[in-house]
Protein backbone atom coordinates (compact mmCIF):
# COMPACT_ATOMS: atom_id res chain seq x y z
CA MET A 1 62.00 79.62 297.94
CA ASP A 2 62.18 77.36 300.98
CA MET A 3 62.71 78.92 304.40
CA ASN A 4 63.46 77.46 307.84
CA ALA A 5 64.00 79.06 311.28
CA CYS A 6 65.24 77.44 314.44
CA PHE A 7 66.60 78.55 317.75
CA CYS A 8 70.37 78.15 317.90
CA ALA A 9 71.53 79.31 321.31
CA GLY A 10 74.08 76.51 321.70
CA LYS A 11 75.51 77.02 318.21
CA MET A 12 75.94 80.82 318.70
CA GLY A 13 76.72 80.71 322.41
CA ILE A 14 74.12 83.34 323.05
CA PRO A 15 70.81 82.58 324.93
CA ASN A 16 68.44 84.38 322.49
CA ALA A 17 69.57 83.33 318.99
CA LEU A 18 67.81 82.31 315.81
CA GLN A 19 69.07 80.84 312.54
CA ILE A 20 67.14 81.64 309.37
CA THR A 21 67.95 79.33 306.44
CA TYR A 22 66.49 79.82 303.00
CA THR A 23 67.13 78.35 299.53
CA LYS A 24 66.95 80.53 296.49
CA ASP A 25 68.14 79.60 292.95
CA GLY A 26 69.52 76.28 294.30
CA SER A 27 71.76 77.80 296.93
CA THR A 28 71.29 77.83 300.70
CA ARG A 29 71.85 81.02 302.71
CA CYS A 30 72.07 81.22 306.52
CA LEU A 31 71.30 84.33 308.51
CA TYR A 32 71.75 84.66 312.33
CA LEU A 33 69.79 86.91 314.64
CA TYR A 34 70.26 87.51 318.38
CA THR A 35 68.92 89.87 320.97
CA GLU A 36 69.24 90.55 324.65
CA ASP A 37 65.49 90.06 325.15
CA GLY A 38 64.09 86.48 324.89
CA LYS A 39 60.65 87.86 323.97
CA ASP A 40 62.13 89.62 320.95
CA ILE A 41 63.64 86.47 319.52
CA VAL A 42 60.35 84.56 320.06
CA ASP A 43 58.51 87.42 318.32
CA TRP A 44 60.87 87.20 315.36
CA TYR A 45 60.42 83.44 315.22
CA ASN A 46 56.63 83.74 315.26
CA ALA A 47 56.71 86.44 312.50
CA PHE A 48 58.76 84.11 310.29
CA ARG A 49 56.29 81.30 311.04
CA ALA A 50 53.32 83.51 310.13
CA THR A 51 55.03 84.60 306.92
CA LYS A 52 55.79 81.05 305.85
CA PHE A 53 52.24 79.97 306.75
CA THR A 54 50.75 82.73 304.57
CA LEU A 55 53.03 81.94 301.65
CA ASN A 56 52.08 78.25 301.91
CA ARG A 57 48.41 79.15 302.00
CA VAL A 58 48.81 81.04 298.76
CA ALA A 59 50.97 78.31 297.14
CA PHE A 60 48.78 75.42 298.26
CA PRO A 61 45.18 76.72 298.25
CA GLY A 62 42.66 74.32 299.66
CA THR A 63 45.30 72.53 301.86
CA ASN A 64 44.08 72.06 305.43
CA ALA A 65 45.55 74.71 307.81
CA SER A 66 46.71 71.94 310.18
CA VAL A 67 48.71 70.29 307.42
CA LEU A 68 50.30 73.65 306.56
CA ALA A 69 51.14 74.26 310.24
CA GLN A 70 52.90 70.90 310.48
CA ASN A 71 55.28 71.87 307.74
CA LEU A 72 56.42 75.29 308.96
CA PHE A 73 59.80 74.84 310.61
CA LYS A 74 61.97 71.97 311.77
CA ASP A 75 65.11 71.78 313.87
CA PHE A 76 68.09 70.42 311.98
CA THR A 77 68.21 66.64 312.06
CA LYS A 78 71.90 66.66 313.04
CA GLU A 79 74.74 69.12 313.25
CA GLY A 80 78.34 68.97 314.38
CA TRP A 81 82.01 68.83 313.55
CA LEU A 82 83.26 65.98 311.30
CA TRP A 83 86.60 65.37 309.65
CA LYS A 84 86.48 65.18 305.82
CA THR A 85 89.02 64.24 303.18
CA GLY A 86 88.78 64.68 299.42
CA PRO A 87 87.78 62.17 296.77
CA SER A 88 91.26 60.98 295.94
CA GLY A 89 92.26 60.10 299.49
CA LYS A 90 95.54 62.07 299.04
CA GLU A 91 94.07 65.26 300.55
CA SER A 92 94.62 66.07 304.20
CA TRP A 93 91.83 65.64 306.69
CA LYS A 94 89.96 68.93 307.32
CA GLN A 95 87.49 69.61 310.03
CA ARG A 96 84.14 70.96 308.75
CA TRP A 97 80.79 71.87 310.37
CA PHE A 98 78.13 69.51 308.95
CA THR A 99 74.36 70.11 308.96
CA LEU A 100 71.79 67.46 308.05
CA HIS A 101 68.45 69.11 307.18
CA ASP A 102 65.62 67.23 305.56
CA ARG A 103 67.28 65.66 302.53
CA TYR A 104 70.36 67.82 302.38
CA LEU A 105 73.78 67.31 303.93
CA MET A 106 75.73 70.59 303.92
CA TYR A 107 79.14 71.41 305.19
CA PHE A 108 80.74 74.69 306.20
CA ASN A 109 84.14 75.99 307.32
CA MET A 110 82.64 77.33 310.51
CA PRO A 111 79.20 76.85 312.23
CA LEU A 112 78.05 80.47 311.55
CA ASP A 113 79.13 80.73 307.89
CA ALA A 114 76.52 82.34 305.61
CA TYR A 115 76.93 79.83 302.80
CA PRO A 116 77.82 76.14 302.81
CA ILE A 117 80.97 74.99 300.99
CA LYS A 118 78.84 72.18 299.44
CA GLU A 119 75.25 70.97 299.62
CA VAL A 120 74.52 67.34 298.80
CA PHE A 121 70.91 66.09 298.01
CA LEU A 122 70.22 62.77 299.79
CA GLY A 123 67.94 60.42 297.93
CA ILE A 124 66.92 56.88 298.82
CA ASN A 125 68.82 53.53 299.01
CA ASP A 126 67.21 52.26 295.80
CA GLN A 127 68.90 55.19 293.96
CA GLY A 128 72.36 54.38 295.21
CA TYR A 129 72.46 56.48 298.44
CA LYS A 130 74.12 54.69 301.34
CA VAL A 131 75.97 55.12 304.54
CA LYS A 132 78.56 52.56 305.55
CA GLU A 133 80.82 52.15 308.58
CA GLY A 134 84.55 52.51 307.81
CA LEU A 135 86.40 53.88 304.84
CA PRO A 136 87.14 52.24 301.45
CA PRO A 137 90.44 50.42 300.93
CA GLY A 138 93.32 52.83 300.49
CA TYR A 139 91.91 55.48 302.83
CA LYS A 140 93.44 55.88 306.20
CA GLU A 141 91.22 57.00 309.04
CA LYS A 142 92.30 60.11 310.89
CA GLU A 143 94.18 59.05 313.99
CA HIS A 144 91.95 58.42 317.01
CA SER A 145 88.82 58.75 314.96
CA TYR A 146 85.88 56.71 313.71
CA GLY A 147 85.33 56.69 309.93
CA PHE A 148 82.25 56.21 307.78
CA THR A 149 81.45 56.65 304.12
CA VAL A 150 78.41 58.41 302.58
CA LYS A 151 77.71 57.16 299.07
CA VAL A 152 75.73 59.29 296.60
CA PRO A 153 75.62 58.78 292.84
CA GLY A 154 78.95 59.85 291.42
CA ARG A 155 80.70 60.46 294.76
CA GLU A 156 81.71 58.99 298.05
CA PHE A 157 82.30 61.27 301.08
CA LYS A 158 84.81 59.95 303.53
CA LEU A 159 84.11 61.29 307.00
CA CYS A 160 85.47 60.71 310.53
CA CYS A 161 84.08 61.49 314.03
CA ASP A 162 86.03 61.88 317.24
CA THR A 163 83.90 59.29 319.06
CA HIS A 164 82.21 56.03 318.35
CA SER A 165 78.87 57.32 319.61
CA GLU A 166 79.09 60.38 317.26
CA ARG A 167 79.70 58.08 314.33
CA GLN A 168 76.74 55.89 315.28
CA ALA A 169 74.50 59.00 315.64
CA TRP A 170 75.50 60.33 312.21
CA MET A 171 75.10 56.93 310.49
CA LYS A 172 71.68 56.40 312.14
CA ALA A 173 70.47 59.92 311.00
CA LEU A 174 71.72 59.44 307.41
CA ALA A 175 70.34 55.92 307.21
CA THR A 176 66.97 57.19 308.28
CA VAL A 177 67.00 59.73 305.44
CA PHE A 178 68.01 57.09 302.91
CA HIS A 179 65.22 54.78 304.03
CA THR A 180 62.53 57.44 303.94
CA PRO A 181 60.64 57.59 300.69
CA LEU A 182 60.77 60.77 298.68
CA ALA A 183 57.59 62.75 299.18
CA ALA A 184 55.89 65.92 297.92
CA GLN A 185 56.64 69.09 299.84
CA LEU A 186 53.27 69.01 301.62
CA PRO A 187 51.32 65.88 302.51
CA GLU A 188 47.86 65.62 301.00
C-alpha cells in the first residue's frame, strides 16, 4: 500500500487541512482531515510520516534512513480544473478536477471526492506516452480555451485549459514525467 499526505488548505478552503491519499488493490482513496488548531494538523502529518517511515524500514531493511526520509511524502506535482471530452469527440466537454501525482494522472468530479473517476499510469516517451499542444483533427476546442492531448498506449485524452499559461504549465509537468526514467520505489 502506498500512502501520501500533504497540506491542502487552499483546496479545502480551511487553514488547517490535510489530504491523505493511499492506494490499495490498484485503487486510490482520498481522505481529508481538518482542525481548528494548526498544531493538531501538524501532529497528524508527523504521525503519518512516522508511520510510513516505520513501514518502509520494515519493507526495505538495510536502506539508509536518509534515503527512506527523502521518500516519505510529496506535494502533488499539479492540480486544477481542466475540461475533458470523451474518446469519440462527440461527447460534451466536462469540467473535471485533475491531479498529477508521481506517475499518475487522476481526475475527479470535484476536488474533495474520495475516489477518482479514472487513474492513468504515465510511462515514458519511448513507450508511447506523449503530450502535444492542440487537439487531433475532428476535435473542436472548447470555446475560449486552450487544448492539448495526452497520449497513452491505447488512448488519447483531449483536454482544455481556460488560459494559455495553464496549458503550458500542465504540458510542462506532463512532459517532465514522460522524460523521467522509470525507477524503483526507493533509490539504492
